[in-house]
Amino acid sequence: MRGGLMTGMAAGMLIGATATIMMMPQLDHRTRRRVNKIGRRMTNSILTLMDTMRG
């Protein structure tokens, strides 16, 4: 069951990232950099959580 939850979370993250990237041309350079930085942090946090849950 946890595998399904993690897969769903990862899929949601990818869908959200794709939507953000599609909207990015409307944002200025500084905002795009901040969004990318936050996205990388979130990705690393989720991957760390997944590794921890797997044991």
N, C-alpha and C. Protein backbone atom coordinates (compact mmCIF):
# COMPACT_ATOMS: atom_id res chain seq x y z
N MET A 1 0.82 -1.19 0.00
CA MET A 1 0.00 0.00 0.00
C MET A 1 0.86 1.26 0.00
N ARG A 2 1.95 1.25 0.73
CA ARG A 2 2.82 2.42 0.76
C ARG A 2 3.43 2.69 -0.60
N GLY A 3 3.72 1.63 -1.33
CA GLY A 3 4.28 1.81 -2.67
C GLY A 3 3.34 2.58 -3.57
N GLY A 4 2.04 2.29 -3.45
CA GLY A 4 1.05 3.00 -4.26
C GLY A 4 0.95 4.46 -3.87
N LEU A 5 1.04 4.72 -2.58
CA LEU A 5 0.98 6.10 -2.11
C LEU A 5 2.18 6.89 -2.62
N MET A 6 3.36 6.29 -2.51
CA MET A 6 4.57 6.97 -2.96
C MET A 6 4.55 7.19 -4.47
N THR A 7 4.05 6.20 -5.20
CA THR A 7 3.94 6.34 -6.65
C THR A 7 2.99 7.48 -7.00
N GLY A 8 1.88 7.55 -6.28
CA GLY A 8 0.92 8.62 -6.51
C GLY A 8 1.50 9.99 -6.19
N MET A 9 2.26 10.06 -5.10
CA MET A 9 2.89 11.33 -4.74
C MET A 9 3.91 11.75 -5.79
N ALA A 10 4.70 10.79 -6.27
CA ALA A 10 5.69 11.11 -7.29
C ALA A 10 5.02 11.55 -8.59
N ALA A 11 3.93 10.88 -8.97
CA ALA A 11 3.21 11.26 -10.18
C ALA A 11 2.62 12.66 -10.03
N GLY A 12 2.06 12.95 -8.88
CA GLY A 12 1.50 14.29 -8.63
C GLY A 12 2.56 15.36 -8.69
N MET A 13 3.74 15.04 -8.15
CA MET A 13 4.84 15.99 -8.19
C MET A 13 5.26 16.28 -9.63
N LEU A 14 5.33 15.23 -10.44
CA LEU A 14 5.72 15.42 -11.84
C LEU A 14 4.68 16.23 -12.61
N ILE A 15 3.41 15.96 -12.35
CA ILE A 15 2.35 16.71 -13.03
C ILE A 15 2.40 18.18 -12.61
N GLY A 16 2.60 18.43 -11.32
CA GLY A 16 2.71 19.80 -10.84
C GLY A 16 3.92 20.52 -11.41
N ALA A 17 5.04 19.82 -11.50
CA ALA A 17 6.25 20.42 -12.06
C ALA A 17 6.04 20.76 -13.53
N THR A 18 5.39 19.88 -14.25
CA THR A 18 5.12 20.13 -15.67
C THR A 18 4.23 21.35 -15.85
N ALA A 19 3.20 21.45 -15.04
CA ALA A 19 2.30 22.61 -15.12
C ALA A 19 3.05 23.90 -14.79
N THR A 20 3.93 23.84 -13.80
CA THR A 20 4.71 25.01 -13.43
C THR A 20 5.63 25.44 -14.55
N ILE A 21 6.29 24.48 -15.17
CA ILE A 21 7.22 24.79 -16.26
C ILE A 21 6.47 25.42 -17.43
N MET A 22 5.25 24.94 -17.69
CA MET A 22 4.47 25.50 -18.79
C MET A 22 4.09 26.96 -18.52
N MET A 23 3.93 27.32 -17.26
CA MET A 23 3.55 28.68 -16.90
C MET A 23 4.75 29.59 -16.72
N MET A 24 5.94 29.04 -16.64
CA MET A 24 7.13 29.81 -16.33
C MET A 24 7.47 30.93 -17.32
N PRO A 25 7.21 30.80 -18.61
CA PRO A 25 7.57 31.92 -19.49
C PRO A 25 6.93 33.24 -19.08
N GLN A 26 5.85 33.19 -18.32
CA GLN A 26 5.18 34.41 -17.89
C GLN A 26 5.86 35.03 -16.66
N LEU A 27 6.77 34.30 -16.04
CA LEU A 27 7.43 34.77 -14.83
C LEU A 27 8.78 35.41 -15.17
N ASP A 28 9.23 36.31 -14.31
CA ASP A 28 10.54 36.90 -14.54
C ASP A 28 11.65 35.93 -14.14
N HIS A 29 12.87 36.27 -14.48
CA HIS A 29 14.03 35.37 -14.29
C HIS A 29 14.22 35.00 -12.82
N ARG A 30 14.12 35.97 -11.94
CA ARG A 30 14.35 35.72 -10.51
C ARG A 30 13.31 34.75 -9.94
N THR A 31 12.06 34.94 -10.31
CA THR A 31 10.99 34.07 -9.82
C THR A 31 11.17 32.65 -10.34
N ARG A 32 11.56 32.50 -11.61
CA ARG A 32 11.80 31.17 -12.17
C ARG A 32 12.89 30.45 -11.40
N ARG A 33 13.96 31.17 -11.06
CA ARG A 33 15.06 30.56 -10.30
C ARG A 33 14.59 30.11 -8.93
N ARG A 34 13.77 30.93 -8.28
CA ARG A 34 13.26 30.57 -6.95
C ARG A 34 12.36 29.34 -7.03
N VAL A 35 11.49 29.29 -8.04
CA VAL A 35 10.60 28.14 -8.20
C VAL A 35 11.41 26.88 -8.45
N ASN A 36 12.42 26.97 -9.30
CA ASN A 36 13.27 25.81 -9.58
C ASN A 36 13.99 25.34 -8.32
N LYS A 37 14.50 26.27 -7.54
CA LYS A 37 15.22 25.93 -6.31
C LYS A 37 14.29 25.22 -5.32
N ILE A 38 13.11 25.75 -5.14
CA ILE A 38 12.14 25.13 -4.23
C ILE A 38 11.74 23.75 -4.75
N GLY A 39 11.56 23.62 -6.05
CA GLY A 39 11.21 22.33 -6.64
C GLY A 39 12.29 21.28 -6.40
N ARG A 40 13.54 21.68 -6.54
CA ARG A 40 14.64 20.74 -6.28
C ARG A 40 14.66 20.31 -4.82
N ARG A 41 14.42 21.26 -3.92
CA ARG A 41 14.39 20.92 -2.49
C ARG A 41 13.25 19.94 -2.18
N MET A 42 12.09 20.19 -2.76
CA MET A 42 10.95 19.30 -2.54
C MET A 42 11.23 17.91 -3.08
N THR A 43 11.82 17.84 -4.26
CA THR A 43 12.16 16.55 -4.85
C THR A 43 13.12 15.78 -3.96
N ASN A 44 14.15 16.45 -3.48
CA ASN A 44 15.12 15.79 -2.60
C ASN A 44 14.46 15.32 -1.30
N SER A 45 13.57 16.14 -0.75
CA SER A 45 12.88 15.75 0.48
C SER A 45 12.01 14.52 0.28
N ILE A 46 11.28 14.49 -0.82
CA ILE A 46 10.41 13.35 -1.10
C ILE A 46 11.22 12.09 -1.35
N LEU A 47 12.31 12.21 -2.10
CA LEU A 47 13.15 11.03 -2.34
C LEU A 47 13.77 10.51 -1.05
N THR A 48 14.18 11.41 -0.18
CA THR A 48 14.73 11.00 1.12
C THR A 48 13.66 10.30 1.95
N LEU A 49 12.46 10.84 1.95
CA LEU A 49 11.35 10.23 2.68
C LEU A 49 11.05 8.84 2.14
N MET A 50 11.04 8.70 0.82
CA MET A 50 10.77 7.39 0.21
C MET A 50 11.85 6.38 0.61
N ASP A 51 13.10 6.80 0.59
CA ASP A 51 14.19 5.90 0.99
C ASP A 51 14.06 5.49 2.45
N THR A 52 13.67 6.43 3.30
CA THR A 52 13.50 6.14 4.72
C THR A 52 12.37 5.15 4.95
N MET A 53 11.28 5.32 4.22
CA MET A 53 10.13 4.43 4.39
C MET A 53 10.42 3.02 3.89
N ARG A 54 11.26 2.91 2.88
CA ARG A 54 11.62 1.59 2.35
C ARG A 54 12.51 0.83 3.32
N GLY A 55 13.24 1.57 4.12
CA GLY A 55 14.08 0.94 5.14
C GLY A 55 15.39 0.60 4.64
